[in-house]
Amino acid sequence: MTITGAIVLFSVVWFMVFFIVLPLRLVTQGDAGEIVPGTHASSPHEFALGRKARITTLWAVAIWVGLAIMLTWGPWGVRDLDWFGRMEPPRVAN
């Protein structure tokens, strides 16, 4: 796996985990009973973005390490994910 591939894989994993973590333990303004004028009742009451980013980073690193190990030394590689044959070397005519 190249450095660029590792960075792209980590970014994809981080954002996927982030979108899973965002709604966890969400208390809306409607649930809290304190709706700020001009906002929806479904808006977050207290949005702890830093805490959610830290949780996301911890989980993303663990998942990324597992995926990187599997893709580098495991039974499957990047070429196994090539379903359309685009990574095969071109055939030379004799």
C-alpha atoms as a PDB file:
ATOM      1  CA  MET A   1       0.000   0.000   0.000  1.00  0.00           C
ATOM      2  CA  THR A   2       1.402   3.382  -0.963  1.00  0.00           C
ATOM      3  CA  ILE A   3       1.401   6.393   1.349  1.00  0.00           C
ATOM      4  CA  THR A   4      -1.254   8.062  -0.756  1.00  0.00           C
ATOM      5  CA  GLY A   5      -3.394   4.934  -0.640  1.00  0.00           C
ATOM      6  CA  ALA A   6      -2.994   4.747   3.142  1.00  0.00           C
ATOM      7  CA  ILE A   7      -4.041   8.396   3.549  1.00  0.00           C
ATOM      8  CA  VAL A   8      -7.066   7.957   1.289  1.00  0.00           C
ATOM      9  CA  LEU A   9      -8.093   4.765   3.114  1.00  0.00           C
ATOM     10  CA  PHE A  10      -7.780   6.513   6.493  1.00  0.00           C
ATOM     11  CA  SER A  11      -9.813   9.487   5.262  1.00  0.00           C
ATOM     12  CA  VAL A  12     -12.617   7.277   3.983  1.00  0.00           C
ATOM     13  CA  VAL A  13     -12.680   5.234   7.198  1.00  0.00           C
ATOM     14  CA  TRP A  14     -12.580   8.400   9.352  1.00  0.00           C
ATOM     15  CA  PHE A  15     -15.553  10.009   7.609  1.00  0.00           C
ATOM     16  CA  MET A  16     -17.576   6.781   7.622  1.00  0.00           C
ATOM     17  CA  VAL A  17     -17.018   6.406  11.369  1.00  0.00           C
ATOM     18  CA  PHE A  18     -17.730  10.115  11.897  1.00  0.00           C
ATOM     19  CA  PHE A  19     -21.137   9.864  10.242  1.00  0.00           C
ATOM     20  CA  ILE A  20     -21.915   6.891  12.480  1.00  0.00           C
ATOM     21  CA  VAL A  21     -20.783   8.709  15.656  1.00  0.00           C
ATOM     22  CA  LEU A  22     -22.573  12.016  14.933  1.00  0.00           C
ATOM     23  CA  PRO A  23     -26.094  10.977  15.991  1.00  0.00           C
ATOM     24  CA  LEU A  24     -24.975   8.995  19.063  1.00  0.00           C
ATOM     25  CA  ARG A  25     -26.128  10.508  22.392  1.00  0.00           C
ATOM     26  CA  LEU A  26     -27.785  13.376  20.548  1.00  0.00           C
ATOM     27  CA  VAL A  27     -30.041  15.558  22.686  1.00  0.00           C
ATOM     28  CA  THR A  28     -32.104  17.905  20.554  1.00  0.00           C
ATOM     29  CA  GLN A  29     -33.352  21.317  21.591  1.00  0.00           C
ATOM     30  CA  GLY A  30     -36.886  19.938  21.467  1.00  0.00           C
ATOM     31  CA  ASP A  31     -35.931  17.123  23.871  1.00  0.00           C
ATOM     32  CA  ALA A  32     -34.271  19.581  26.243  1.00  0.00           C
ATOM     33  CA  GLY A  33     -37.219  21.998  26.053  1.00  0.00           C
ATOM     34  CA  GLU A  34     -34.980  24.980  25.254  1.00  0.00           C
ATOM     35  CA  ILE A  35     -35.520  25.945  21.616  1.00  0.00           C
ATOM     36  CA  VAL A  36     -33.404  28.898  20.505  1.00  0.00           C
ATOM     37  CA  PRO A  37     -35.433  31.294  18.335  1.00  0.00           C
ATOM     38  CA  GLY A  38     -34.605  30.853  14.651  1.00  0.00           C
ATOM     39  CA  THR A  39     -33.520  27.208  14.936  1.00  0.00           C
ATOM     40  CA  HIS A  40     -35.327  23.926  14.468  1.00  0.00           C
ATOM     41  CA  ALA A  41     -36.426  21.848  17.423  1.00  0.00           C
ATOM     42  CA  SER A  42     -34.297  19.010  16.028  1.00  0.00           C
ATOM     43  CA  SER A  43     -31.086  21.066  16.322  1.00  0.00           C
ATOM     44  CA  PRO A  44     -28.547  19.760  18.839  1.00  0.00           C
ATOM     45  CA  HIS A  45     -28.866  21.168  22.344  1.00  0.00           C
ATOM     46  CA  GLU A  46     -25.135  20.928  23.127  1.00  0.00           C
ATOM     47  CA  PHE A  47     -22.986  19.839  20.219  1.00  0.00           C
ATOM     48  CA  ALA A  48     -19.692  18.337  21.418  1.00  0.00           C
ATOM     49  CA  LEU A  49     -17.828  18.263  18.102  1.00  0.00           C
ATOM     50  CA  GLY A  50     -14.374  17.896  19.673  1.00  0.00           C
ATOM     51  CA  ARG A  51     -15.426  14.897  21.740  1.00  0.00           C
ATOM     52  CA  LYS A  52     -17.057  13.234  18.734  1.00  0.00           C
ATOM     53  CA  ALA A  53     -13.959  13.900  16.607  1.00  0.00           C
ATOM     54  CA  ARG A  54     -11.728  12.274  19.258  1.00  0.00           C
ATOM     55  CA  ILE A  55     -13.984   9.216  19.496  1.00  0.00           C
ATOM     56  CA  THR A  56     -14.067   9.023  15.704  1.00  0.00           C
ATOM     57  CA  THR A  57     -10.283   9.233  15.452  1.00  0.00           C
ATOM     58  CA  LEU A  58      -9.747   6.464  18.012  1.00  0.00           C
ATOM     59  CA  TRP A  59     -12.159   4.093  16.261  1.00  0.00           C
ATOM     60  CA  ALA A  60     -10.931   5.063  12.787  1.00  0.00           C
ATOM     61  CA  VAL A  61      -7.299   4.366  13.689  1.00  0.00           C
ATOM     62  CA  ALA A  62      -8.213   0.924  15.032  1.00  0.00           C
ATOM     63  CA  ILE A  63     -10.282   0.055  11.948  1.00  0.00           C
ATOM     64  CA  TRP A  64      -7.659   1.506   9.596  1.00  0.00           C
ATOM     65  CA  VAL A  65      -4.851  -0.518  11.189  1.00  0.00           C
ATOM     66  CA  GLY A  66      -6.905  -3.684  10.780  1.00  0.00           C
ATOM     67  CA  LEU A  67      -7.673  -2.913   7.144  1.00  0.00           C
ATOM     68  CA  ALA A  68      -4.071  -1.928   6.383  1.00  0.00           C
ATOM     69  CA  ILE A  69      -2.734  -5.138   7.927  1.00  0.00           C
ATOM     70  CA  MET A  70      -5.273  -7.205   6.034  1.00  0.00           C
ATOM     71  CA  LEU A  71      -4.503  -5.505   2.713  1.00  0.00           C
ATOM     72  CA  THR A  72      -0.728  -5.613   3.210  1.00  0.00           C
ATOM     73  CA  TRP A  73      -0.065  -9.039   4.744  1.00  0.00           C
ATOM     74  CA  GLY A  74      -3.435 -10.753   4.827  1.00  0.00           C
ATOM     75  CA  PRO A  75      -4.998 -13.291   2.512  1.00  0.00           C
ATOM     76  CA  TRP A  76      -6.557 -10.536   0.396  1.00  0.00           C
ATOM     77  CA  GLY A  77      -4.824  -7.736  -1.426  1.00  0.00           C
ATOM     78  CA  VAL A  78      -5.784  -4.758  -3.514  1.00  0.00           C
ATOM     79  CA  ARG A  79      -5.603  -6.865  -6.682  1.00  0.00           C
ATOM     80  CA  ASP A  80      -8.306  -9.167  -5.261  1.00  0.00           C
ATOM     81  CA  LEU A  81     -10.669  -6.191  -5.235  1.00  0.00           C
ATOM     82  CA  ASP A  82     -10.069  -5.577  -8.948  1.00  0.00           C
ATOM     83  CA  TRP A  83     -13.310  -7.016 -10.327  1.00  0.00           C
ATOM     84  CA  PHE A  84     -12.985  -5.409 -13.770  1.00  0.00           C
ATOM     85  CA  GLY A  85      -9.401  -6.455 -14.565  1.00  0.00           C
ATOM     86  CA  ARG A  86      -7.990  -2.932 -14.762  1.00  0.00           C
ATOM     87  CA  MET A  87      -4.857  -3.706 -12.758  1.00  0.00           C
ATOM     88  CA  GLU A  88      -3.646  -6.553 -14.958  1.00  0.00           C
ATOM     89  CA  PRO A  89      -0.616  -5.776 -17.091  1.00  0.00           C
ATOM     90  CA  PRO A  90      -1.353  -5.208 -20.786  1.00  0.00           C
ATOM     91  CA  ARG A  91      -0.926  -8.224 -23.019  1.00  0.00           C
ATOM     92  CA  VAL A  92       1.849  -8.027 -25.556  1.00  0.00           C
ATOM     93  CA  ALA A  93       1.186  -9.506 -28.997  1.00  0.00           C
ATOM     94  CA  ASN A  94       3.842 -11.916 -30.237  1.00  0.00           C
END
